[in-house]
Amino acid sequence: MGIISWIILGLIVGVLAKWIMPGKDPGGIFITIIIGIVGAFLGGFIGSLIGLGALGKFSILNIILAIVGALILLGGYRLIKSQS
């Protein structure tokens, strides 16, 4: 998948991450979408490093990796924001 595909996937994944982990986020839905985009890149990158996915292909596994990356980032963001 190209960079545009990862951004579009990140938008969708950000909304899904917000749906999976509901709650009041300090940044609202826009921060969640940004976290989804970054999480999609992170999940795809980590997946390609460990051999689970490839950055050049669109598959269910890549979507799952993007969701996992976004959930990890969203959880980390909430943890950091709750401590400050």
PDB file of N, CA and C in Angstrom:
ATOM      1  N   MET A   1       0.852  -1.178   0.000  1.00  0.00           N
ATOM      2  CA  MET A   1       0.000   0.000   0.000  1.00  0.00           C
ATOM      3  C   MET A   1       0.891   1.233   0.000  1.00  0.00           C
ATOM      4  N   GLY A   2       0.467   2.229  -0.696  1.00  0.00           N
ATOM      5  CA  GLY A   2       1.214   3.464  -0.719  1.00  0.00           C
ATOM      6  C   GLY A   2       0.905   4.322   0.499  1.00  0.00           C
ATOM      7  N   ILE A   3       1.582   5.431   0.584  1.00  0.00           N
ATOM      8  CA  ILE A   3       1.420   6.312   1.736  1.00  0.00           C
ATOM      9  C   ILE A   3      -0.001   6.870   1.829  1.00  0.00           C
ATOM     10  N   ILE A   4      -0.624   7.152   0.705  1.00  0.00           N
ATOM     11  CA  ILE A   4      -2.006   7.651   0.717  1.00  0.00           C
ATOM     12  C   ILE A   4      -2.944   6.582   1.265  1.00  0.00           C
ATOM     13  N   SER A   5      -2.710   5.345   0.889  1.00  0.00           N
ATOM     14  CA  SER A   5      -3.535   4.244   1.397  1.00  0.00           C
ATOM     15  C   SER A   5      -3.402   4.108   2.905  1.00  0.00           C
ATOM     16  N   TRP A   6      -2.180   4.268   3.414  1.00  0.00           N
ATOM     17  CA  TRP A   6      -1.983   4.170   4.863  1.00  0.00           C
ATOM     18  C   TRP A   6      -2.672   5.326   5.584  1.00  0.00           C
ATOM     19  N   ILE A   7      -2.692   6.494   4.987  1.00  0.00           N
ATOM     20  CA  ILE A   7      -3.376   7.631   5.612  1.00  0.00           C
ATOM     21  C   ILE A   7      -4.881   7.390   5.649  1.00  0.00           C
ATOM     22  N   ILE A   8      -5.440   6.916   4.536  1.00  0.00           N
ATOM     23  CA  ILE A   8      -6.877   6.631   4.503  1.00  0.00           C
ATOM     24  C   ILE A   8      -7.209   5.510   5.481  1.00  0.00           C
ATOM     25  N   LEU A   9      -6.390   4.465   5.483  1.00  0.00           N
ATOM     26  CA  LEU A   9      -6.590   3.380   6.437  1.00  0.00           C
ATOM     27  C   LEU A   9      -6.472   3.903   7.867  1.00  0.00           C
ATOM     28  N   GLY A  10      -5.539   4.810   8.101  1.00  0.00           N
ATOM     29  CA  GLY A  10      -5.370   5.398   9.431  1.00  0.00           C
ATOM     30  C   GLY A  10      -6.587   6.173   9.881  1.00  0.00           C
ATOM     31  N   LEU A  11      -7.234   6.872   8.972  1.00  0.00           N
ATOM     32  CA  LEU A  11      -8.464   7.584   9.327  1.00  0.00           C
ATOM     33  C   LEU A  11      -9.535   6.605   9.788  1.00  0.00           C
ATOM     34  N   ILE A  12      -9.688   5.535   9.041  1.00  0.00           N
ATOM     35  CA  ILE A  12     -10.680   4.520   9.401  1.00  0.00           C
ATOM     36  C   ILE A  12     -10.301   3.838  10.709  1.00  0.00           C
ATOM     37  N   VAL A  13      -9.029   3.510  10.846  1.00  0.00           N
ATOM     38  CA  VAL A  13      -8.553   2.832  12.048  1.00  0.00           C
ATOM     39  C   VAL A  13      -8.684   3.736  13.270  1.00  0.00           C
ATOM     40  N   GLY A  14      -8.463   5.037  13.112  1.00  0.00           N
ATOM     41  CA  GLY A  14      -8.629   5.961  14.226  1.00  0.00           C
ATOM     42  C   GLY A  14     -10.052   5.961  14.745  1.00  0.00           C
ATOM     43  N   VAL A  15     -11.007   5.934  13.846  1.00  0.00           N
ATOM     44  CA  VAL A  15     -12.414   5.875  14.247  1.00  0.00           C
ATOM     45  C   VAL A  15     -12.715   4.527  14.908  1.00  0.00           C
ATOM     46  N   LEU A  16     -12.176   3.446  14.342  1.00  0.00           N
ATOM     47  CA  LEU A  16     -12.378   2.128  14.949  1.00  0.00           C
ATOM     48  C   LEU A  16     -11.744   2.041  16.334  1.00  0.00           C
ATOM     49  N   ALA A  17     -10.558   2.610  16.497  1.00  0.00           N
ATOM     50  CA  ALA A  17      -9.895   2.596  17.802  1.00  0.00           C
ATOM     51  C   ALA A  17     -10.718   3.362  18.825  1.00  0.00           C
ATOM     52  N   LYS A  18     -11.302   4.467  18.414  1.00  0.00           N
ATOM     53  CA  LYS A  18     -12.168   5.244  19.309  1.00  0.00           C
ATOM     54  C   LYS A  18     -13.407   4.437  19.675  1.00  0.00           C
ATOM     55  N   TRP A  19     -13.910   3.666  18.727  1.00  0.00           N
ATOM     56  CA  TRP A  19     -15.092   2.840  18.975  1.00  0.00           C
ATOM     57  C   TRP A  19     -14.751   1.672  19.900  1.00  0.00           C
ATOM     58  N   ILE A  20     -13.567   1.065  19.708  1.00  0.00           N
ATOM     59  CA  ILE A  20     -13.146  -0.063  20.536  1.00  0.00           C
ATOM     60  C   ILE A  20     -12.793   0.395  21.943  1.00  0.00           C
ATOM     61  N   MET A  21     -12.132   1.537  22.054  1.00  0.00           N
ATOM     62  CA  MET A  21     -11.728   2.089  23.357  1.00  0.00           C
ATOM     63  C   MET A  21     -12.461   3.399  23.599  1.00  0.00           C
ATOM     64  N   PRO A  22     -13.755   3.340  23.901  1.00  0.00           N
ATOM     65  CA  PRO A  22     -14.483   4.588  24.114  1.00  0.00           C
ATOM     66  C   PRO A  22     -14.005   5.278  25.392  1.00  0.00           C
ATOM     67  N   GLY A  23     -14.216   6.538  25.439  1.00  0.00           N
ATOM     68  CA  GLY A  23     -13.828   7.313  26.606  1.00  0.00           C
ATOM     69  C   GLY A  23     -13.629   8.757  26.228  1.00  0.00           C
ATOM     70  N   LYS A  24     -13.466   9.560  27.244  1.00  0.00           N
ATOM     71  CA  LYS A  24     -13.270  10.975  27.011  1.00  0.00           C
ATOM     72  C   LYS A  24     -11.782  11.237  26.845  1.00  0.00           C
ATOM     73  N   ASP A  25     -11.398  11.527  25.620  1.00  0.00           N
ATOM     74  CA  ASP A  25     -10.011  11.841  25.335  1.00  0.00           C
ATOM     75  C   ASP A  25      -9.818  13.347  25.382  1.00  0.00           C
ATOM     76  N   PRO A  26      -8.684  13.796  25.920  1.00  0.00           N
ATOM     77  CA  PRO A  26      -8.433  15.236  26.002  1.00  0.00           C
ATOM     78  C   PRO A  26      -8.438  15.927  24.644  1.00  0.00           C
ATOM     79  N   GLY A  27      -8.035  15.253  23.582  1.00  0.00           N
ATOM     80  CA  GLY A  27      -7.958  15.878  22.273  1.00  0.00           C
ATOM     81  C   GLY A  27      -9.177  15.669  21.414  1.00  0.00           C
ATOM     82  N   GLY A  28     -10.070  14.799  21.843  1.00  0.00           N
ATOM     83  CA  GLY A  28     -11.265  14.542  21.065  1.00  0.00           C
ATOM     84  C   GLY A  28     -11.010  13.630  19.880  1.00  0.00           C
ATOM     85  N   ILE A  29     -11.936  13.634  18.956  1.00  0.00           N
ATOM     86  CA  ILE A  29     -11.892  12.725  17.819  1.00  0.00           C
ATOM     87  C   ILE A  29     -10.747  13.039  16.865  1.00  0.00           C
ATOM     88  N   PHE A  30     -10.338  14.298  16.767  1.00  0.00           N
ATOM     89  CA  PHE A  30      -9.262  14.662  15.852  1.00  0.00           C
ATOM     90  C   PHE A  30      -7.930  14.057  16.283  1.00  0.00           C
ATOM     91  N   ILE A  31      -7.649  14.096  17.567  1.00  0.00           N
ATOM     92  CA  ILE A  31      -6.425  13.467  18.078  1.00  0.00           C
ATOM     93  C   ILE A  31      -6.495  11.962  17.874  1.00  0.00           C
ATOM     94  N   THR A  32      -7.678  11.389  18.068  1.00  0.00           N
ATOM     95  CA  THR A  32      -7.843   9.962  17.863  1.00  0.00           C
ATOM     96  C   THR A  32      -7.581   9.577  16.415  1.00  0.00           C
ATOM     97  N   ILE A  33      -8.035  10.392  15.481  1.00  0.00           N
ATOM     98  CA  ILE A  33      -7.789  10.114  14.063  1.00  0.00           C
ATOM     99  C   ILE A  33      -6.301  10.218  13.750  1.00  0.00           C
ATOM    100  N   ILE A  34      -5.638  11.213  14.309  1.00  0.00           N
ATOM    101  CA  ILE A  34      -4.189  11.344  14.107  1.00  0.00           C
ATOM    102  C   ILE A  34      -3.465  10.138  14.703  1.00  0.00           C
ATOM    103  N   ILE A  35      -3.912   9.709  15.877  1.00  0.00           N
ATOM    104  CA  ILE A  35      -3.326   8.520  16.481  1.00  0.00           C
ATOM    105  C   ILE A  35      -3.577   7.306  15.595  1.00  0.00           C
ATOM    106  N   GLY A  36      -4.739   7.242  14.959  1.00  0.00           N
ATOM    107  CA  GLY A  36      -5.030   6.151  14.028  1.00  0.00           C
ATOM    108  C   GLY A  36      -4.104   6.145  12.839  1.00  0.00           C
ATOM    109  N   ILE A  37      -3.825   7.315  12.293  1.00  0.00           N
ATOM    110  CA  ILE A  37      -2.909   7.407  11.153  1.00  0.00           C
ATOM    111  C   ILE A  37      -1.510   6.960  11.561  1.00  0.00           C
ATOM    112  N   VAL A  38      -1.026   7.484  12.674  1.00  0.00           N
ATOM    113  CA  VAL A  38       0.307   7.108  13.153  1.00  0.00           C
ATOM    114  C   VAL A  38       0.330   5.629  13.537  1.00  0.00           C
ATOM    115  N   GLY A  39      -0.750   5.155  14.153  1.00  0.00           N
ATOM    116  CA  GLY A  39      -0.839   3.741  14.520  1.00  0.00           C
ATOM    117  C   GLY A  39      -0.840   2.838  13.310  1.00  0.00           C
ATOM    118  N   ALA A  40      -1.483   3.269  12.230  1.00  0.00           N
ATOM    119  CA  ALA A  40      -1.472   2.479  10.996  1.00  0.00           C
ATOM    120  C   ALA A  40      -0.057   2.368  10.444  1.00  0.00           C
ATOM    121  N   PHE A  41       0.671   3.465  10.458  1.00  0.00           N
ATOM    122  CA  PHE A  41       2.067   3.427  10.011  1.00  0.00           C
ATOM    123  C   PHE A  41       2.893   2.531  10.936  1.00  0.00           C
ATOM    124  N   LEU A  42       2.709   2.699  12.249  1.00  0.00           N
ATOM    125  CA  LEU A  42       3.461   1.916  13.228  1.00  0.00           C
ATOM    126  C   LEU A  42       3.149   0.429  13.101  1.00  0.00           C
ATOM    127  N   GLY A  43       1.864   0.091  13.048  1.00  0.00           N
ATOM    128  CA  GLY A  43       1.480  -1.310  12.912  1.00  0.00           C
ATOM    129  C   GLY A  43       1.999  -1.927  11.623  1.00  0.00           C
ATOM    130  N   GLY A  44       1.902  -1.196  10.529  1.00  0.00           N
ATOM    131  CA  GLY A  44       2.410  -1.697   9.251  1.00  0.00           C
ATOM    132  C   GLY A  44       3.911  -1.855   9.258  1.00  0.00           C
ATOM    133  N   PHE A  45       4.604  -0.912   9.868  1.00  0.00           N
ATOM    134  CA  PHE A  45       6.065  -0.974   9.929  1.00  0.00           C
ATOM    135  C   PHE A  45       6.522  -2.146  10.785  1.00  0.00           C
ATOM    136  N   ILE A  46       5.927  -2.283  11.976  1.00  0.00           N
ATOM    137  CA  ILE A  46       6.304  -3.386  12.867  1.00  0.00           C
ATOM    138  C   ILE A  46       5.948  -4.728  12.235  1.00  0.00           C
ATOM    139  N   GLY A  47       4.774  -4.794  11.607  1.00  0.00           N
ATOM    140  CA  GLY A  47       4.374  -6.026  10.934  1.00  0.00           C
ATOM    141  C   GLY A  47       5.331  -6.419   9.823  1.00  0.00           C
ATOM    142  N   SER A  48       5.812  -5.439   9.079  1.00  0.00           N
ATOM    143  CA  SER A  48       6.754  -5.758   8.004  1.00  0.00           C
ATOM    144  C   SER A  48       8.116  -6.165   8.564  1.00  0.00           C
ATOM    145  N   LEU A  49       8.482  -5.626   9.711  1.00  0.00           N
ATOM    146  CA  LEU A  49       9.762  -6.005  10.320  1.00  0.00           C
ATOM    147  C   LEU A  49       9.754  -7.446  10.823  1.00  0.00           C
ATOM    148  N   ILE A  50       8.625  -7.872  11.389  1.00  0.00           N
ATOM    149  CA  ILE A  50       8.576  -9.232  11.936  1.00  0.00           C
ATOM    150  C   ILE A  50       8.002 -10.247  10.949  1.00  0.00           C
ATOM    151  N   GLY A  51       7.702  -9.787   9.749  1.00  0.00           N
ATOM    152  CA  GLY A  51       7.275 -10.700   8.695  1.00  0.00           C
ATOM    153  C   GLY A  51       5.792 -11.022   8.669  1.00  0.00           C
ATOM    154  N   LEU A  52       4.970 -10.284   9.381  1.00  0.00           N
ATOM    155  CA  LEU A  52       3.533 -10.557   9.403  1.00  0.00           C
ATOM    156  C   LEU A  52       2.776  -9.877   8.276  1.00  0.00           C
ATOM    157  N   GLY A  53       3.240  -8.748   7.852  1.00  0.00           N
ATOM    158  CA  GLY A  53       2.552  -8.003   6.805  1.00  0.00           C
ATOM    159  C   GLY A  53       3.569  -7.339   5.903  1.00  0.00           C
ATOM    160  N   ALA A  54       3.075  -6.730   4.876  1.00  0.00           N
ATOM    161  CA  ALA A  54       3.952  -6.025   3.951  1.00  0.00           C
ATOM    162  C   ALA A  54       3.368  -4.650   3.693  1.00  0.00           C
ATOM    163  N   LEU A  55       4.233  -3.671   3.563  1.00  0.00           N
ATOM    164  CA  LEU A  55       3.765  -2.311   3.313  1.00  0.00           C
ATOM    165  C   LEU A  55       3.182  -2.157   1.916  1.00  0.00           C
ATOM    166  N   GLY A  56       3.498  -3.049   1.012  1.00  0.00           N
ATOM    167  CA  GLY A  56       3.051  -2.917  -0.358  1.00  0.00           C
ATOM    168  C   GLY A  56       1.742  -3.624  -0.673  1.00  0.00           C
ATOM    169  N   LYS A  57       1.166  -4.347   0.304  1.00  0.00           N
ATOM    170  CA  LYS A  57      -0.044  -5.107   0.045  1.00  0.00           C
ATOM    171  C   LYS A  57      -1.167  -4.656   0.962  1.00  0.00           C
ATOM    172  N   PHE A  58      -2.390  -4.751   0.458  1.00  0.00           N
ATOM    173  CA  PHE A  58      -3.576  -4.444   1.247  1.00  0.00           C
ATOM    174  C   PHE A  58      -4.231  -5.758   1.621  1.00  0.00           C
ATOM    175  N   SER A  59      -4.291  -6.042   2.919  1.00  0.00           N
ATOM    176  CA  SER A  59      -4.882  -7.299   3.363  1.00  0.00           C
ATOM    177  C   SER A  59      -5.551  -7.095   4.723  1.00  0.00           C
ATOM    178  N   ILE A  60      -6.305  -8.089   5.112  1.00  0.00           N
ATOM    179  CA  ILE A  60      -6.953  -8.060   6.425  1.00  0.00           C
ATOM    180  C   ILE A  60      -5.896  -8.000   7.523  1.00  0.00           C
ATOM    181  N   LEU A  61      -4.796  -8.720   7.328  1.00  0.00           N
ATOM    182  CA  LEU A  61      -3.724  -8.711   8.322  1.00  0.00           C
ATOM    183  C   LEU A  61      -3.160  -7.306   8.508  1.00  0.00           C
ATOM    184  N   ASN A  62      -2.997  -6.557   7.431  1.00  0.00           N
ATOM    185  CA  ASN A  62      -2.509  -5.182   7.547  1.00  0.00           C
ATOM    186  C   ASN A  62      -3.508  -4.303   8.285  1.00  0.00           C
ATOM    187  N   ILE A  63      -4.789  -4.527   8.064  1.00  0.00           N
ATOM    188  CA  ILE A  63      -5.810  -3.762   8.783  1.00  0.00           C
ATOM    189  C   ILE A  63      -5.748  -4.081  10.271  1.00  0.00           C
ATOM    190  N   ILE A  64      -5.601  -5.349  10.607  1.00  0.00           N
ATOM    191  CA  ILE A  64      -5.498  -5.742  12.010  1.00  0.00           C
ATOM    192  C   ILE A  64      -4.245  -5.144  12.643  1.00  0.00           C
ATOM    193  N   LEU A  65      -3.128  -5.178  11.928  1.00  0.00           N
ATOM    194  CA  LEU A  65      -1.895  -4.581  12.444  1.00  0.00           C
ATOM    195  C   LEU A  65      -2.068  -3.080  12.682  1.00  0.00           C
ATOM    196  N   ALA A  66      -2.768  -2.410  11.786  1.00  0.00           N
ATOM    197  CA  ALA A  66      -3.007  -0.975  11.938  1.00  0.00           C
ATOM    198  C   ALA A  66      -3.885  -0.711  13.149  1.00  0.00           C
ATOM    199  N   ILE A  67      -4.906  -1.525  13.350  1.00  0.00           N
ATOM    200  CA  ILE A  67      -5.784  -1.350  14.517  1.00  0.00           C
ATOM    201  C   ILE A  67      -5.011  -1.576  15.807  1.00  0.00           C
ATOM    202  N   VAL A  68      -4.188  -2.617  15.844  1.00  0.00           N
ATOM    203  CA  VAL A  68      -3.382  -2.886  17.040  1.00  0.00           C
ATOM    204  C   VAL A  68      -2.429  -1.725  17.310  1.00  0.00           C
ATOM    205  N   GLY A  69      -1.784  -1.218  16.266  1.00  0.00           N
ATOM    206  CA  GLY A  69      -0.894  -0.068  16.442  1.00  0.00           C
ATOM    207  C   GLY A  69      -1.636   1.152  16.969  1.00  0.00           C
ATOM    208  N   ALA A  70      -2.823   1.406  16.449  1.00  0.00           N
ATOM    209  CA  ALA A  70      -3.610   2.554  16.905  1.00  0.00           C
ATOM    210  C   ALA A  70      -4.082   2.370  18.347  1.00  0.00           C
ATOM    211  N   LEU A  71      -4.482   1.163  18.713  1.00  0.00           N
ATOM    212  CA  LEU A  71      -4.915   0.911  20.089  1.00  0.00           C
ATOM    213  C   LEU A  71      -3.757   1.074  21.068  1.00  0.00           C
ATOM    214  N   ILE A  72      -2.576   0.629  20.672  1.00  0.00           N
ATOM    215  CA  ILE A  72      -1.397   0.808  21.534  1.00  0.00           C
ATOM    216  C   ILE A  72      -1.107   2.291  21.723  1.00  0.00           C
ATOM    217  N   LEU A  73      -1.125   3.049  20.641  1.00  0.00           N
ATOM    218  CA  LEU A  73      -0.863   4.490  20.752  1.00  0.00           C
ATOM    219  C   LEU A  73      -1.958   5.206  21.535  1.00  0.00           C
ATOM    220  N   LEU A  74      -3.217   4.828  21.312  1.00  0.00           N
ATOM    221  CA  LEU A  74      -4.312   5.463  22.043  1.00  0.00           C
ATOM    222  C   LEU A  74      -4.218   5.162  23.533  1.00  0.00           C
ATOM    223  N   GLY A  75      -3.893   3.925  23.884  1.00  0.00           N
ATOM    224  CA  GLY A  75      -3.696   3.575  25.291  1.00  0.00           C
ATOM    225  C   GLY A  75      -2.534   4.335  25.909  1.00  0.00           C
ATOM    226  N   GLY A  76      -1.435   4.437  25.175  1.00  0.00           N
ATOM    227  CA  GLY A  76      -0.287   5.203  25.667  1.00  0.00           C
ATOM    228  C   GLY A  76      -0.597   6.679  25.826  1.00  0.00           C
ATOM    229  N   TYR A  77      -1.342   7.217  24.871  1.00  0.00           N
ATOM    230  CA  TYR A  77      -1.735   8.630  24.943  1.00  0.00           C
ATOM    231  C   TYR A  77      -2.606   8.889  26.170  1.00  0.00           C
ATOM    232  N   ARG A  78      -3.557   8.005  26.415  1.00  0.00           N
ATOM    233  CA  ARG A  78      -4.421   8.161  27.597  1.00  0.00           C
ATOM    234  C   ARG A  78      -3.624   8.023  28.878  1.00  0.00           C
ATOM    235  N   LEU A  79      -2.655   7.109  28.910  1.00  0.00           N
ATOM    236  CA  LEU A  79      -1.831   6.921  30.096  1.00  0.00           C
ATOM    237  C   LEU A  79      -1.000   8.163  30.384  1.00  0.00           C
ATOM    238  N   ILE A  80      -0.410   8.733  29.353  1.00  0.00           N
ATOM    239  CA  ILE A  80       0.412   9.936  29.531  1.00  0.00           C
ATOM    240  C   ILE A  80      -0.447  11.119  29.955  1.00  0.00           C
ATOM    241  N   LYS A  81      -1.607  11.289  29.325  1.00  0.00           N
ATOM    242  CA  LYS A  81      -2.484  12.422  29.633  1.00  0.00           C
ATOM    243  C   LYS A  81      -3.088  12.308  31.034  1.00  0.00           C
ATOM    244  N   SER A  82      -3.327  11.069  31.508  1.00  0.00           N
ATOM    245  CA  SER A  82      -3.922  10.910  32.838  1.00  0.00           C
ATOM    246  C   SER A  82      -2.917  11.185  33.940  1.00  0.00           C
ATOM    247  N   GLN A  83      -1.629  11.039  33.647  1.00  0.00           N
ATOM    248  CA  GLN A  83      -0.603  11.284  34.646  1.00  0.00           C
ATOM    249  C   GLN A  83      -0.231  12.752  34.766  1.00  0.00           C
ATOM    250  N   SER A  84      -0.554  13.540  33.767  1.00  0.00           N
ATOM    251  CA  SER A  84      -0.178  14.954  33.819  1.00  0.00           C
ATOM    252  C   SER A  84      -1.297  15.822  34.323  1.00  0.00           C
TER     253      SER A  84
END
